[in-house]
Structures are given as structure tokens and as C-alpha cells.
Amino acid sequence: MSPPHHRDSSPDLDNAHDGSGDDEIQHKSLAGPSQSKIECLRLWTEAVNCIPLPEKAITLQMKCERNYKRRRDDIKKKNHIIKQRLEKAMSDQLRKMGNKDYEKACRYSSDQQTKVTPKG
């Protein structure tokens, strides 16, 4: 049984001797398309944009979008929590620093601290 040949194959075009006979055709297509081919391809590529995607591809795309939205929402929530914790820590730190100004050691007793009200 002979190997299956390409429809356009002929023995004189089979440079690689692989039986397909399309070596010369591939070489011509790699050399560069003509102007008429480019115009034809432009029309074809515009039409390709209108071809609907298969359902499997659509569901996969929707799944990826949902996962992206979930990750984005999780990141936003984590950022919000981090900001809240940081603000709380900063306010606690400022409160401690503010209290240190008003708490002064008593002259007579170093163990006791008395609060002095702010002037103003």
C-alpha cells in the first residue's frame, strides 16, 4: 500500500521526499503573499471576528472572568482589612504618644504617676 498523498501532490514538487508533495507550495507561501492575497485575507480576517465561539470556549472564558473577579474582590477585602488594622495601630500609637505627654512622674514618689490635664 502506498503512503497517502496530498491532493495537490505531484512527484516533481516533493523536495523532502516525504510523500506529501507540498514542499514547493510551502516555499512559495513563505516567500510572501501577493497583494491580491493580502486583500483577500483582510476580508477573511474581518469575517473571522464574527464567527461565534463554541460553547465550551465561552464557558471557559466566563469561568476565568469569575475567578478573576473573585481574586480581585479578595484582594480588595484584604487591602481594606490591612488598612483598617494599620489605621487602628496608628491611632493606638498616637494615643500612647499623646498620653505620655500628660503622664508625668511625681517628684516625691517615682512609683506613682499622676495625670496632668493639658493646658488650654
PDB file of N, CA and C in Angstrom:
ATOM      1  N   MET A   1       0.845  -1.165   0.000  1.00  0.00           N
ATOM      2  CA  MET A   1       0.000   0.000   0.000  1.00  0.00           C
ATOM      3  C   MET A   1       0.895   1.235   0.000  1.00  0.00           C
ATOM      4  N   SER A   2       0.594   2.186  -0.823  1.00  0.00           N
ATOM      5  CA  SER A   2       1.412   3.395  -0.924  1.00  0.00           C
ATOM      6  C   SER A   2       0.977   4.394   0.141  1.00  0.00           C
ATOM      7  N   PRO A   3       1.900   5.280   0.555  1.00  0.00           N
ATOM      8  CA  PRO A   3       1.531   6.280   1.569  1.00  0.00           C
ATOM      9  C   PRO A   3       0.501   7.250   1.001  1.00  0.00           C
ATOM     10  N   PRO A   4      -0.369   7.775   1.830  1.00  0.00           N
ATOM     11  CA  PRO A   4      -1.394   8.701   1.336  1.00  0.00           C
ATOM     12  C   PRO A   4      -0.739   9.982   0.841  1.00  0.00           C
ATOM     13  N   HIS A   5      -1.206  10.439  -0.322  1.00  0.00           N
ATOM     14  CA  HIS A   5      -0.651  11.648  -0.923  1.00  0.00           C
ATOM     15  C   HIS A   5      -1.596  12.811  -0.728  1.00  0.00           C
ATOM     16  N   HIS A   6      -1.024  13.996  -0.673  1.00  0.00           N
ATOM     17  CA  HIS A   6      -1.804  15.226  -0.614  1.00  0.00           C
ATOM     18  C   HIS A   6      -2.537  15.374  -1.927  1.00  0.00           C
ATOM     19  N   ARG A   7      -3.643  16.066  -1.919  1.00  0.00           N
ATOM     20  CA  ARG A   7      -4.446  16.200  -3.124  1.00  0.00           C
ATOM     21  C   ARG A   7      -3.679  16.876  -4.249  1.00  0.00           C
ATOM     22  N   ASP A   8      -2.876  17.898  -3.902  1.00  0.00           N
ATOM     23  CA  ASP A   8      -2.148  18.646  -4.914  1.00  0.00           C
ATOM     24  C   ASP A   8      -0.757  18.086  -5.154  1.00  0.00           C
ATOM     25  N   SER A   9      -0.463  16.941  -4.605  1.00  0.00           N
ATOM     26  CA  SER A   9       0.910  16.442  -4.682  1.00  0.00           C
ATOM     27  C   SER A   9       1.228  15.918  -6.076  1.00  0.00           C
ATOM     28  N   SER A  10       2.446  16.149  -6.442  1.00  0.00           N
ATOM     29  CA  SER A  10       2.976  15.573  -7.668  1.00  0.00           C
ATOM     30  C   SER A  10       4.425  15.221  -7.380  1.00  0.00           C
ATOM     31  N   PRO A  11       4.988  14.235  -8.062  1.00  0.00           N
ATOM     32  CA  PRO A  11       6.341  13.778  -7.743  1.00  0.00           C
ATOM     33  C   PRO A  11       7.398  14.865  -7.915  1.00  0.00           C
ATOM     34  N   ASP A  12       7.212  15.827  -8.839  1.00  0.00           N
ATOM     35  CA  ASP A  12       8.244  16.836  -9.061  1.00  0.00           C
ATOM     36  C   ASP A  12       8.235  17.929  -7.988  1.00  0.00           C
ATOM     37  N   LEU A  13       7.183  18.039  -7.163  1.00  0.00           N
ATOM     38  CA  LEU A  13       7.132  19.041  -6.101  1.00  0.00           C
ATOM     39  C   LEU A  13       7.610  18.492  -4.757  1.00  0.00           C
ATOM     40  N   ASP A  14       7.873  17.208  -4.668  1.00  0.00           N
ATOM     41  CA  ASP A  14       8.246  16.569  -3.411  1.00  0.00           C
ATOM     42  C   ASP A  14       9.748  16.679  -3.200  1.00  0.00           C
ATOM     43  N   ASN A  15      10.202  17.829  -2.659  1.00  0.00           N
ATOM     44  CA  ASN A  15      11.630  18.045  -2.446  1.00  0.00           C
ATOM     45  C   ASN A  15      12.157  17.269  -1.253  1.00  0.00           C
ATOM     46  N   ALA A  16      11.386  17.136  -0.187  1.00  0.00           N
ATOM     47  CA  ALA A  16      11.846  16.464   1.026  1.00  0.00           C
ATOM     48  C   ALA A  16      11.612  14.966   0.971  1.00  0.00           C
ATOM     49  N   HIS A  17      11.002  14.489  -0.067  1.00  0.00           N
ATOM     50  CA  HIS A  17      10.697  13.068  -0.274  1.00  0.00           C
ATOM     51  C   HIS A  17       9.901  12.496   0.895  1.00  0.00           C
ATOM     52  N   ASP A  18       8.964  13.293   1.384  1.00  0.00           N
ATOM     53  CA  ASP A  18       8.126  12.801   2.474  1.00  0.00           C
ATOM     54  C   ASP A  18       6.774  12.309   1.976  1.00  0.00           C
ATOM     55  N   GLY A  19       6.566  12.400   0.695  1.00  0.00           N
ATOM     56  CA  GLY A  19       5.349  11.860   0.117  1.00  0.00           C
ATOM     57  C   GLY A  19       4.214  12.854   0.044  1.00  0.00           C
ATOM     58  N   SER A  20       4.355  14.014   0.659  1.00  0.00           N
ATOM     59  CA  SER A  20       3.233  14.950   0.652  1.00  0.00           C
ATOM     60  C   SER A  20       3.216  15.798  -0.607  1.00  0.00           C
ATOM     61  N   GLY A  21       4.387  16.135  -1.141  1.00  0.00           N
ATOM     62  CA  GLY A  21       4.440  16.897  -2.373  1.00  0.00           C
ATOM     63  C   GLY A  21       4.094  18.359  -2.206  1.00  0.00           C
ATOM     64  N   ASP A  22       4.045  18.851  -0.990  1.00  0.00           N
ATOM     65  CA  ASP A  22       3.670  20.250  -0.793  1.00  0.00           C
ATOM     66  C   ASP A  22       4.859  21.119  -0.404  1.00  0.00           C
ATOM     67  N   ASP A  23       6.076  20.621  -0.560  1.00  0.00           N
ATOM     68  CA  ASP A  23       7.262  21.383  -0.175  1.00  0.00           C
ATOM     69  C   ASP A  23       7.393  22.655  -1.000  1.00  0.00           C
ATOM     70  N   GLU A  24       7.181  22.550  -2.283  1.00  0.00           N
ATOM     71  CA  GLU A  24       7.297  23.711  -3.166  1.00  0.00           C
ATOM     72  C   GLU A  24       6.187  24.718  -2.858  1.00  0.00           C
ATOM     73  N   ILE A  25       5.010  24.205  -2.545  1.00  0.00           N
ATOM     74  CA  ILE A  25       3.884  25.084  -2.227  1.00  0.00           C
ATOM     75  C   ILE A  25       4.173  25.842  -0.935  1.00  0.00           C
ATOM     76  N   GLN A  26       4.719  25.149   0.071  1.00  0.00           N
ATOM     77  CA  GLN A  26       5.065  25.814   1.325  1.00  0.00           C
ATOM     78  C   GLN A  26       6.132  26.870   1.094  1.00  0.00           C
ATOM     79  N   HIS A  27       7.100  26.564   0.246  1.00  0.00           N
ATOM     80  CA  HIS A  27       8.170  27.518  -0.032  1.00  0.00           C
ATOM     81  C   HIS A  27       7.593  28.782  -0.672  1.00  0.00           C
ATOM     82  N   LYS A  28       6.658  28.610  -1.589  1.00  0.00           N
ATOM     83  CA  LYS A  28       6.044  29.767  -2.238  1.00  0.00           C
ATOM     84  C   LYS A  28       5.236  30.590  -1.236  1.00  0.00           C
ATOM     85  N   SER A  29       4.542  29.923  -0.314  1.00  0.00           N
ATOM     86  CA  SER A  29       3.726  30.670   0.646  1.00  0.00           C
ATOM     87  C   SER A  29       4.600  31.398   1.656  1.00  0.00           C
ATOM     88  N   LEU A  30       5.790  30.889   1.949  1.00  0.00           N
ATOM     89  CA  LEU A  30       6.691  31.561   2.871  1.00  0.00           C
ATOM     90  C   LEU A  30       7.406  32.729   2.212  1.00  0.00           C
ATOM     91  N   ALA A  31       7.462  32.736   0.891  1.00  0.00           N
ATOM     92  CA  ALA A  31       8.173  33.796   0.185  1.00  0.00           C
ATOM     93  C   ALA A  31       7.466  35.140   0.363  1.00  0.00           C
ATOM     94  N   GLY A  32       6.185  35.159   0.592  1.00  0.00           N
ATOM     95  CA  GLY A  32       5.454  36.413   0.798  1.00  0.00           C
ATOM     96  C   GLY A  32       4.185  36.417  -0.018  1.00  0.00           C
ATOM     97  N   PRO A  33       3.090  36.848   0.569  1.00  0.00           N
ATOM     98  CA  PRO A  33       1.820  36.860  -0.149  1.00  0.00           C
ATOM     99  C   PRO A  33       1.761  38.013  -1.148  1.00  0.00           C
ATOM    100  N   SER A  34       1.027  37.783  -2.192  1.00  0.00           N
ATOM    101  CA  SER A  34       0.852  38.834  -3.191  1.00  0.00           C
ATOM    102  C   SER A  34      -0.192  39.825  -2.686  1.00  0.00           C
ATOM    103  N   GLN A  35      -0.334  40.933  -3.403  1.00  0.00           N
ATOM    104  CA  GLN A  35      -1.283  41.974  -2.981  1.00  0.00           C
ATOM    105  C   GLN A  35      -2.716  41.455  -3.003  1.00  0.00           C
ATOM    106  N   SER A  36      -3.062  40.655  -3.989  1.00  0.00           N
ATOM    107  CA  SER A  36      -4.426  40.128  -4.062  1.00  0.00           C
ATOM    108  C   SER A  36      -4.703  39.181  -2.899  1.00  0.00           C
ATOM    109  N   LYS A  37      -3.690  38.407  -2.499  1.00  0.00           N
ATOM    110  CA  LYS A  37      -3.883  37.510  -1.360  1.00  0.00           C
ATOM    111  C   LYS A  37      -4.078  38.309  -0.076  1.00  0.00           C
ATOM    112  N   ILE A  38      -3.338  39.408   0.072  1.00  0.00           N
ATOM    113  CA  ILE A  38      -3.464  40.232   1.273  1.00  0.00           C
ATOM    114  C   ILE A  38      -4.867  40.821   1.352  1.00  0.00           C
ATOM    115  N   GLU A  39      -5.384  41.326   0.237  1.00  0.00           N
ATOM    116  CA  GLU A  39      -6.734  41.882   0.234  1.00  0.00           C
ATOM    117  C   GLU A  39      -7.755  40.813   0.583  1.00  0.00           C
ATOM    118  N   CYS A  40      -7.559  39.634   0.031  1.00  0.00           N
ATOM    119  CA  CYS A  40      -8.471  38.534   0.304  1.00  0.00           C
ATOM    120  C   CYS A  40      -8.405  38.166   1.786  1.00  0.00           C
ATOM    121  N   LEU A  41      -7.205  38.135   2.344  1.00  0.00           N
ATOM    122  CA  LEU A  41      -7.054  37.783   3.751  1.00  0.00           C
ATOM    123  C   LEU A  41      -7.662  38.842   4.660  1.00  0.00           C
ATOM    124  N   ARG A  42      -7.558  40.102   4.267  1.00  0.00           N
ATOM    125  CA  ARG A  42      -8.153  41.155   5.090  1.00  0.00           C
ATOM    126  C   ARG A  42      -9.661  40.940   5.222  1.00  0.00           C
ATOM    127  N   LEU A  43     -10.314  40.625   4.112  1.00  0.00           N
ATOM    128  CA  LEU A  43     -11.750  40.379   4.157  1.00  0.00           C
ATOM    129  C   LEU A  43     -12.046  39.148   5.001  1.00  0.00           C
ATOM    130  N   TRP A  44     -11.195  38.131   4.869  1.00  0.00           N
ATOM    131  CA  TRP A  44     -11.424  36.896   5.602  1.00  0.00           C
ATOM    132  C   TRP A  44     -11.252  37.115   7.103  1.00  0.00           C
ATOM    133  N   THR A  45     -10.228  37.882   7.482  1.00  0.00           N
ATOM    134  CA  THR A  45     -10.000  38.101   8.912  1.00  0.00           C
ATOM    135  C   THR A  45     -11.132  38.913   9.525  1.00  0.00           C
ATOM    136  N   GLU A  46     -11.721  39.835   8.788  1.00  0.00           N
ATOM    137  CA  GLU A  46     -12.870  40.569   9.303  1.00  0.00           C
ATOM    138  C   GLU A  46     -14.037  39.615   9.529  1.00  0.00           C
ATOM    139  N   ALA A  47     -14.215  38.671   8.625  1.00  0.00           N
ATOM    140  CA  ALA A  47     -15.313  37.722   8.759  1.00  0.00           C
ATOM    141  C   ALA A  47     -15.070  36.775   9.928  1.00  0.00           C
ATOM    142  N   VAL A  48     -13.809  36.476  10.207  1.00  0.00           N
ATOM    143  CA  VAL A  48     -13.493  35.557  11.296  1.00  0.00           C
ATOM    144  C   VAL A  48     -13.934  36.144  12.630  1.00  0.00           C
ATOM    145  N   ASN A  49     -13.865  37.461  12.764  1.00  0.00           N
ATOM    146  CA  ASN A  49     -14.270  38.094  14.015  1.00  0.00           C
ATOM    147  C   ASN A  49     -15.744  37.867  14.319  1.00  0.00           C
ATOM    148  N   CYS A  50     -16.536  37.601  13.312  1.00  0.00           N
ATOM    149  CA  CYS A  50     -17.973  37.408  13.501  1.00  0.00           C
ATOM    150  C   CYS A  50     -18.334  35.964  13.820  1.00  0.00           C
ATOM    151  N   ILE A  51     -17.384  35.050  13.700  1.00  0.00           N
ATOM    152  CA  ILE A  51     -17.673  33.641  13.960  1.00  0.00           C
ATOM    153  C   ILE A  51     -17.876  33.465  15.463  1.00  0.00           C
ATOM    154  N   PRO A  52     -19.004  32.894  15.879  1.00  0.00           N
ATOM    155  CA  PRO A  52     -19.235  32.714  17.316  1.00  0.00           C
ATOM    156  C   PRO A  52     -18.309  31.645  17.895  1.00  0.00           C
ATOM    157  N   LEU A  53     -17.935  31.838  19.148  1.00  0.00           N
ATOM    158  CA  LEU A  53     -17.089  30.864  19.824  1.00  0.00           C
ATOM    159  C   LEU A  53     -17.910  29.645  20.209  1.00  0.00           C
ATOM    160  N   PRO A  54     -17.286  28.497  20.278  1.00  0.00           N
ATOM    161  CA  PRO A  54     -18.015  27.317  20.750  1.00  0.00           C
ATOM    162  C   PRO A  54     -18.415  27.492  22.218  1.00  0.00           C
ATOM    163  N   GLU A  55     -19.449  26.770  22.624  1.00  0.00           N
ATOM    164  CA  GLU A  55     -19.963  26.914  23.989  1.00  0.00           C
ATOM    165  C   GLU A  55     -18.908  26.597  25.030  1.00  0.00           C
ATOM    166  N   LYS A  56     -18.070  25.618  24.742  1.00  0.00           N
ATOM    167  CA  LYS A  56     -17.028  25.228  25.692  1.00  0.00           C
ATOM    168  C   LYS A  56     -16.066  26.392  25.930  1.00  0.00           C
ATOM    169  N   ALA A  57     -15.703  27.085  24.862  1.00  0.00           N
ATOM    170  CA  ALA A  57     -14.798  28.228  24.991  1.00  0.00           C
ATOM    171  C   ALA A  57     -15.471  29.367  25.745  1.00  0.00           C
ATOM    172  N   ILE A  58     -16.752  29.566  25.500  1.00  0.00           N
ATOM    173  CA  ILE A  58     -17.487  30.629  26.187  1.00  0.00           C
ATOM    174  C   ILE A  58     -17.570  30.338  27.681  1.00  0.00           C
ATOM    175  N   THR A  59     -17.892  29.091  28.040  1.00  0.00           N
ATOM    176  CA  THR A  59     -17.977  28.749  29.465  1.00  0.00           C
ATOM    177  C   THR A  59     -16.615  28.870  30.137  1.00  0.00           C
ATOM    178  N   LEU A  60     -15.558  28.493  29.439  1.00  0.00           N
ATOM    179  CA  LEU A  60     -14.212  28.626  29.996  1.00  0.00           C
ATOM    180  C   LEU A  60     -13.858  30.096  30.206  1.00  0.00           C
ATOM    181  N   GLN A  61     -14.221  30.932  29.237  1.00  0.00           N
ATOM    182  CA  GLN A  61     -13.957  32.363  29.352  1.00  0.00           C
ATOM    183  C   GLN A  61     -14.736  32.961  30.529  1.00  0.00           C
ATOM    184  N   MET A  62     -15.997  32.569  30.684  1.00  0.00           N
ATOM    185  CA  MET A  62     -16.807  33.068  31.796  1.00  0.00           C
ATOM    186  C   MET A  62     -16.232  32.614  33.137  1.00  0.00           C
ATOM    187  N   LYS A  63     -15.761  31.362  33.180  1.00  0.00           N
ATOM    188  CA  LYS A  63     -15.170  30.837  34.409  1.00  0.00           C
ATOM    189  C   LYS A  63     -13.914  31.621  34.776  1.00  0.00           C
ATOM    190  N   CYS A  64     -13.087  31.921  33.792  1.00  0.00           N
ATOM    191  CA  CYS A  64     -11.874  32.700  34.033  1.00  0.00           C
ATOM    192  C   CYS A  64     -12.220  34.100  34.526  1.00  0.00           C
ATOM    193  N   GLU A  65     -13.246  34.716  33.933  1.00  0.00           N
ATOM    194  CA  GLU A  65     -13.667  36.050  34.359  1.00  0.00           C
ATOM    195  C   GLU A  65     -14.183  36.027  35.796  1.00  0.00           C
ATOM    196  N   ARG A  66     -14.962  34.991  36.142  1.00  0.00           N
ATOM    197  CA  ARG A  66     -15.465  34.878  37.515  1.00  0.00           C
ATOM    198  C   ARG A  66     -14.313  34.711  38.499  1.00  0.00           C
ATOM    199  N   ASN A  67     -13.359  33.839  38.142  1.00  0.00           N
ATOM    200  CA  ASN A  67     -12.206  33.633  39.023  1.00  0.00           C
ATOM    201  C   ASN A  67     -11.418  34.924  39.186  1.00  0.00           C
ATOM    202  N   TYR A  68     -11.261  35.672  38.101  1.00  0.00           N
ATOM    203  CA  TYR A  68     -10.541  36.946  38.160  1.00  0.00           C
ATOM    204  C   TYR A  68     -11.272  37.920  39.084  1.00  0.00           C
ATOM    205  N   LYS A  69     -12.601  37.994  38.934  1.00  0.00           N
ATOM    206  CA  LYS A  69     -13.388  38.907  39.768  1.00  0.00           C
ATOM    207  C   LYS A  69     -13.310  38.502  41.236  1.00  0.00           C
ATOM    208  N   ARG A  70     -13.359  37.189  41.507  1.00  0.00           N
ATOM    209  CA  ARG A  70     -13.248  36.724  42.893  1.00  0.00           C
ATOM    210  C   ARG A  70     -11.899  37.098  43.486  1.00  0.00           C
ATOM    211  N   ARG A  71     -10.833  36.850  42.720  1.00  0.00           N
ATOM    212  CA  ARG A  71      -9.494  37.186  43.210  1.00  0.00           C
ATOM    213  C   ARG A  71      -9.371  38.686  43.447  1.00  0.00           C
ATOM    214  N   ARG A  72      -9.909  39.476  42.520  1.00  0.00           N
ATOM    215  CA  ARG A  72      -9.854  40.929  42.660  1.00  0.00           C
ATOM    216  C   ARG A  72     -10.621  41.379  43.904  1.00  0.00           C
ATOM    217  N   ASP A  73     -11.811  40.790  44.127  1.00  0.00           N
ATOM    218  CA  ASP A  73     -12.596  41.131  45.315  1.00  0.00           C
ATOM    219  C   ASP A  73     -11.873  40.710  46.592  1.00  0.00           C
ATOM    220  N   ASP A  74     -11.252  39.524  46.577  1.00  0.00           N
ATOM    221  CA  ASP A  74     -10.491  39.072  47.744  1.00  0.00           C
ATOM    222  C   ASP A  74      -9.343  40.020  48.045  1.00  0.00           C
ATOM    223  N   ILE A  75      -8.659  40.458  47.010  1.00  0.00           N
ATOM    224  CA  ILE A  75      -7.541  41.390  47.196  1.00  0.00           C
ATOM    225  C   ILE A  75      -8.048  42.710  47.772  1.00  0.00           C
ATOM    226  N   LYS A  76      -9.196  43.197  47.261  1.00  0.00           N
ATOM    227  CA  LYS A  76      -9.764  44.443  47.787  1.00  0.00           C
ATOM    228  C   LYS A  76     -10.127  44.297  49.262  1.00  0.00           C
ATOM    229  N   LYS A  77     -10.748  43.153  49.623  1.00  0.00           N
ATOM    230  CA  LYS A  77     -11.123  42.925  51.016  1.00  0.00           C
ATOM    231  C   LYS A  77      -9.886  42.877  51.908  1.00  0.00           C
ATOM    232  N   LYS A  78      -8.856  42.166  51.454  1.00  0.00           N
ATOM    233  CA  LYS A  78      -7.626  42.071  52.248  1.00  0.00           C
ATOM    234  C   LYS A  78      -6.968  43.438  52.398  1.00  0.00           C
ATOM    235  N   ASN A  79      -6.952  44.212  51.327  1.00  0.00           N
ATOM    236  CA  ASN A  79      -6.389  45.565  51.410  1.00  0.00           C
ATOM    237  C   ASN A  79      -7.173  46.417  52.402  1.00  0.00           C
ATOM    238  N   HIS A  80      -8.501  46.287  52.373  1.00  0.00           N
ATOM    239  CA  HIS A  80      -9.350  47.052  53.286  1.00  0.00           C
ATOM    240  C   HIS A  80      -9.059  46.657  54.734  1.00  0.00           C
ATOM    241  N   ILE A  81      -8.940  45.357  54.989  1.00  0.00           N
ATOM    242  CA  ILE A  81      -8.646  44.870  56.342  1.00  0.00           C
ATOM    243  C   ILE A  81      -7.278  45.365  56.801  1.00  0.00           C
ATOM    244  N   ILE A  82      -6.297  45.306  55.913  1.00  0.00           N
ATOM    245  CA  ILE A  82      -4.951  45.771  56.257  1.00  0.00           C
ATOM    246  C   ILE A  82      -4.970  47.259  56.578  1.00  0.00           C
ATOM    247  N   LYS A  83      -5.693  48.042  55.775  1.00  0.00           N
ATOM    248  CA  LYS A  83      -5.785  49.484  56.036  1.00  0.00           C
ATOM    249  C   LYS A  83      -6.447  49.759  57.379  1.00  0.00           C
ATOM    250  N   GLN A  84      -7.521  49.011  57.686  1.00  0.00           N
ATOM    251  CA  GLN A  84      -8.195  49.198  58.970  1.00  0.00           C
ATOM    252  C   GLN A  84      -7.249  48.892  60.128  1.00  0.00           C
ATOM    253  N   ARG A  85      -6.524  47.779  60.027  1.00  0.00           N
ATOM    254  CA  ARG A  85      -5.587  47.411  61.091  1.00  0.00           C
ATOM    255  C   ARG A  85      -4.484  48.450  61.234  1.00  0.00           C
ATOM    256  N   LEU A  86      -3.993  48.932  60.108  1.00  0.00           N
ATOM    257  CA  LEU A  86      -2.939  49.939  60.144  1.00  0.00           C
ATOM    258  C   LEU A  86      -3.442  51.234  60.783  1.00  0.00           C
ATOM    259  N   GLU A  87      -4.642  51.664  60.397  1.00  0.00           N
ATOM    260  CA  GLU A  87      -5.213  52.877  60.987  1.00  0.00           C
ATOM    261  C   GLU A  87      -5.425  52.712  62.488  1.00  0.00           C
ATOM    262  N   LYS A  88      -5.902  51.536  62.894  1.00  0.00           N
ATOM    263  CA  LYS A  88      -6.112  51.283  64.324  1.00  0.00           C
ATOM    264  C   LYS A  88      -4.779  51.303  65.060  1.00  0.00           C
ATOM    265  N   ALA A  89      -3.767  50.654  64.502  1.00  0.00           N
ATOM    266  CA  ALA A  89      -2.453  50.637  65.139  1.00  0.00           C
ATOM    267  C   ALA A  89      -1.874  52.046  65.227  1.00  0.00           C
ATOM    268  N   MET A  90      -2.048  52.823  64.164  1.00  0.00           N
ATOM    269  CA  MET A  90      -1.532  54.196  64.170  1.00  0.00           C
ATOM    270  C   MET A  90      -2.266  55.045  65.210  1.00  0.00           C
ATOM    271  N   SER A  91      -3.582  54.896  65.294  1.00  0.00           N
ATOM    272  CA  SER A  91      -4.332  55.680  66.280  1.00  0.00           C
ATOM    273  C   SER A  91      -3.952  55.255  67.697  1.00  0.00           C
ATOM    274  N   ASP A  92      -3.756  53.945  67.918  1.00  0.00           N
ATOM    275  CA  ASP A  92      -3.307  53.477  69.232  1.00  0.00           C
ATOM    276  C   ASP A  92      -1.937  54.048  69.572  1.00  0.00           C
ATOM    277  N   GLN A  93      -1.053  54.047  68.595  1.00  0.00           N
ATOM    278  CA  GLN A  93       0.296  54.577  68.806  1.00  0.00           C
ATOM    279  C   GLN A  93       0.245  56.074  69.115  1.00  0.00           C
ATOM    280  N   LEU A  94      -0.566  56.812  68.367  1.00  0.00           N
ATOM    281  CA  LEU A  94      -0.702  58.249  68.624  1.00  0.00           C
ATOM    282  C   LEU A  94      -1.311  58.508  69.999  1.00  0.00           C
ATOM    283  N   ARG A  95      -2.273  57.670  70.379  1.00  0.00           N
ATOM    284  CA  ARG A  95      -2.897  57.814  71.688  1.00  0.00           C
ATOM    285  C   ARG A  95      -1.861  57.581  72.792  1.00  0.00           C
ATOM    286  N   LYS A  96      -1.015  56.551  72.614  1.00  0.00           N
ATOM    287  CA  LYS A  96       0.030  56.278  73.600  1.00  0.00           C
ATOM    288  C   LYS A  96       1.016  57.435  73.673  1.00  0.00           C
ATOM    289  N   MET A  97       1.396  57.949  72.517  1.00  0.00           N
ATOM    290  CA  MET A  97       2.332  59.074  72.497  1.00  0.00           C
ATOM    291  C   MET A  97       1.699  60.299  73.144  1.00  0.00           C
ATOM    292  N   GLY A  98       0.427  60.510  72.903  1.00  0.00           N
ATOM    293  CA  GLY A  98      -0.282  61.634  73.500  1.00  0.00           C
ATOM    294  C   GLY A  98      -0.409  61.489  74.997  1.00  0.00           C
ATOM    295  N   ASN A  99      -0.647  60.276  75.468  1.00  0.00           N
ATOM    296  CA  ASN A  99      -0.772  60.043  76.903  1.00  0.00           C
ATOM    297  C   ASN A  99       0.555  60.246  77.615  1.00  0.00           C
ATOM    298  N   LYS A 100       1.654  59.960  76.965  1.00  0.00           N
ATOM    299  CA  LYS A 100       2.960  60.120  77.597  1.00  0.00           C
ATOM    300  C   LYS A 100       3.232  61.584  77.906  1.00  0.00           C
ATOM    301  N   ASP A 101       2.710  62.470  77.088  1.00  0.00           N
ATOM    302  CA  ASP A 101       2.914  63.892  77.343  1.00  0.00           C
ATOM    303  C   ASP A 101       2.207  64.328  78.621  1.00  0.00           C
ATOM    304  N   TYR A 102       1.052  63.736  78.899  1.00  0.00           N
ATOM    305  CA  TYR A 102       0.255  64.158  80.038  1.00  0.00           C
ATOM    306  C   TYR A 102       0.602  63.393  81.309  1.00  0.00           C
ATOM    307  N   GLU A 103       1.249  62.253  81.173  1.00  0.00           N
ATOM    308  CA  GLU A 103       1.618  61.472  82.349  1.00  0.00           C
ATOM    309  C   GLU A 103       3.035  61.853  82.749  1.00  0.00           C
ATOM    310  N   LYS A 104       3.171  62.425  83.911  1.00  0.00           N
ATOM    311  CA  LYS A 104       4.498  62.826  84.365  1.00  0.00           C
ATOM    312  C   LYS A 104       4.749  62.211  85.730  1.00  0.00           C
ATOM    313  N   ALA A 105       5.957  61.841  85.966  1.00  0.00           N
ATOM    314  CA  ALA A 105       6.298  61.225  87.253  1.00  0.00           C
ATOM    315  C   ALA A 105       6.225  62.259  88.370  1.00  0.00           C
ATOM    316  N   CYS A 106       5.747  61.819  89.480  1.00  0.00           N
ATOM    317  CA  CYS A 106       5.645  62.695  90.647  1.00  0.00           C
ATOM    318  C   CYS A 106       7.045  62.916  91.231  1.00  0.00           C
ATOM    319  N   ARG A 107       7.294  64.087  91.748  1.00  0.00           N
ATOM    320  CA  ARG A 107       8.612  64.400  92.287  1.00  0.00           C
ATOM    321  C   ARG A 107       8.967  63.551  93.497  1.00  0.00           C
ATOM    322  N   TYR A 108       7.978  63.305  94.300  1.00  0.00           N
ATOM    323  CA  TYR A 108       8.261  62.666  95.573  1.00  0.00           C
ATOM    324  C   TYR A 108       8.175  61.154  95.488  1.00  0.00           C
ATOM    325  N   SER A 109       7.406  60.657  94.584  1.00  0.00           N
ATOM    326  CA  SER A 109       7.248  59.209  94.501  1.00  0.00           C
ATOM    327  C   SER A 109       7.432  58.791  93.052  1.00  0.00           C
ATOM    328  N   SER A 110       8.448  58.029  92.787  1.00  0.00           N
ATOM    329  CA  SER A 110       8.718  57.608  91.409  1.00  0.00           C
ATOM    330  C   SER A 110       7.797  56.480  90.972  1.00  0.00           C
ATOM    331  N   ASP A 111       7.182  55.784  91.914  1.00  0.00           N
ATOM    332  CA  ASP A 111       6.297  54.677  91.555  1.00  0.00           C
ATOM    333  C   ASP A 111       4.943  55.171  91.060  1.00  0.00           C
ATOM    334  N   GLN A 112       4.510  56.279  91.559  1.00  0.00           N
ATOM    335  CA  GLN A 112       3.199  56.792  91.173  1.00  0.00           C
ATOM    336  C   GLN A 112       3.321  57.724  89.979  1.00  0.00           C
ATOM    337  N   GLN A 113       2.305  57.681  89.154  1.00  0.00           N
ATOM    338  CA  GLN A 113       2.223  58.632  88.040  1.00  0.00           C
ATOM    339  C   GLN A 113       0.902  59.363  88.166  1.00  0.00           C
ATOM    340  N   THR A 114       0.976  60.650  88.087  1.00  0.00           N
ATOM    341  CA  THR A 114      -0.256  61.434  88.154  1.00  0.00           C
ATOM    342  C   THR A 114      -0.497  62.072  86.803  1.00  0.00           C
ATOM    343  N   LYS A 115      -1.731  62.144  86.456  1.00  0.00           N
ATOM    344  CA  LYS A 115      -2.066  62.745  85.169  1.00  0.00           C
ATOM    345  C   LYS A 115      -2.217  64.239  85.346  1.00  0.00           C
ATOM    346  N   VAL A 116      -1.588  64.969  84.471  1.00  0.00           N
ATOM    347  CA  VAL A 116      -1.690  66.415  84.474  1.00  0.00           C
ATOM    348  C   VAL A 116      -2.572  66.793  83.304  1.00  0.00           C
ATOM    349  N   THR A 117      -3.590  67.545  83.559  1.00  0.00           N
ATOM    350  CA  THR A 117      -4.500  67.928  82.479  1.00  0.00           C
ATOM    351  C   THR A 117      -3.798  68.894  81.536  1.00  0.00           C
ATOM    352  N   PRO A 118      -4.108  68.818  80.280  1.00  0.00           N
ATOM    353  CA  PRO A 118      -3.460  69.713  79.325  1.00  0.00           C
ATOM    354  C   PRO A 118      -3.898  71.152  79.549  1.00  0.00           C
ATOM    355  N   LYS A 119      -2.984  72.065  79.325  1.00  0.00           N
ATOM    356  CA  LYS A 119      -3.290  73.489  79.488  1.00  0.00           C
ATOM    357  C   LYS A 119      -3.939  73.990  78.206  1.00  0.00           C
ATOM    358  N   GLY A 120      -4.950  74.759  78.370  1.00  0.00           N
ATOM    359  CA  GLY A 120      -5.522  75.309  77.179  1.00  0.00           C
ATOM    360  C   GLY A 120      -6.952  75.482  77.192  1.00  0.00           C
TER     361      GLY A 120
END
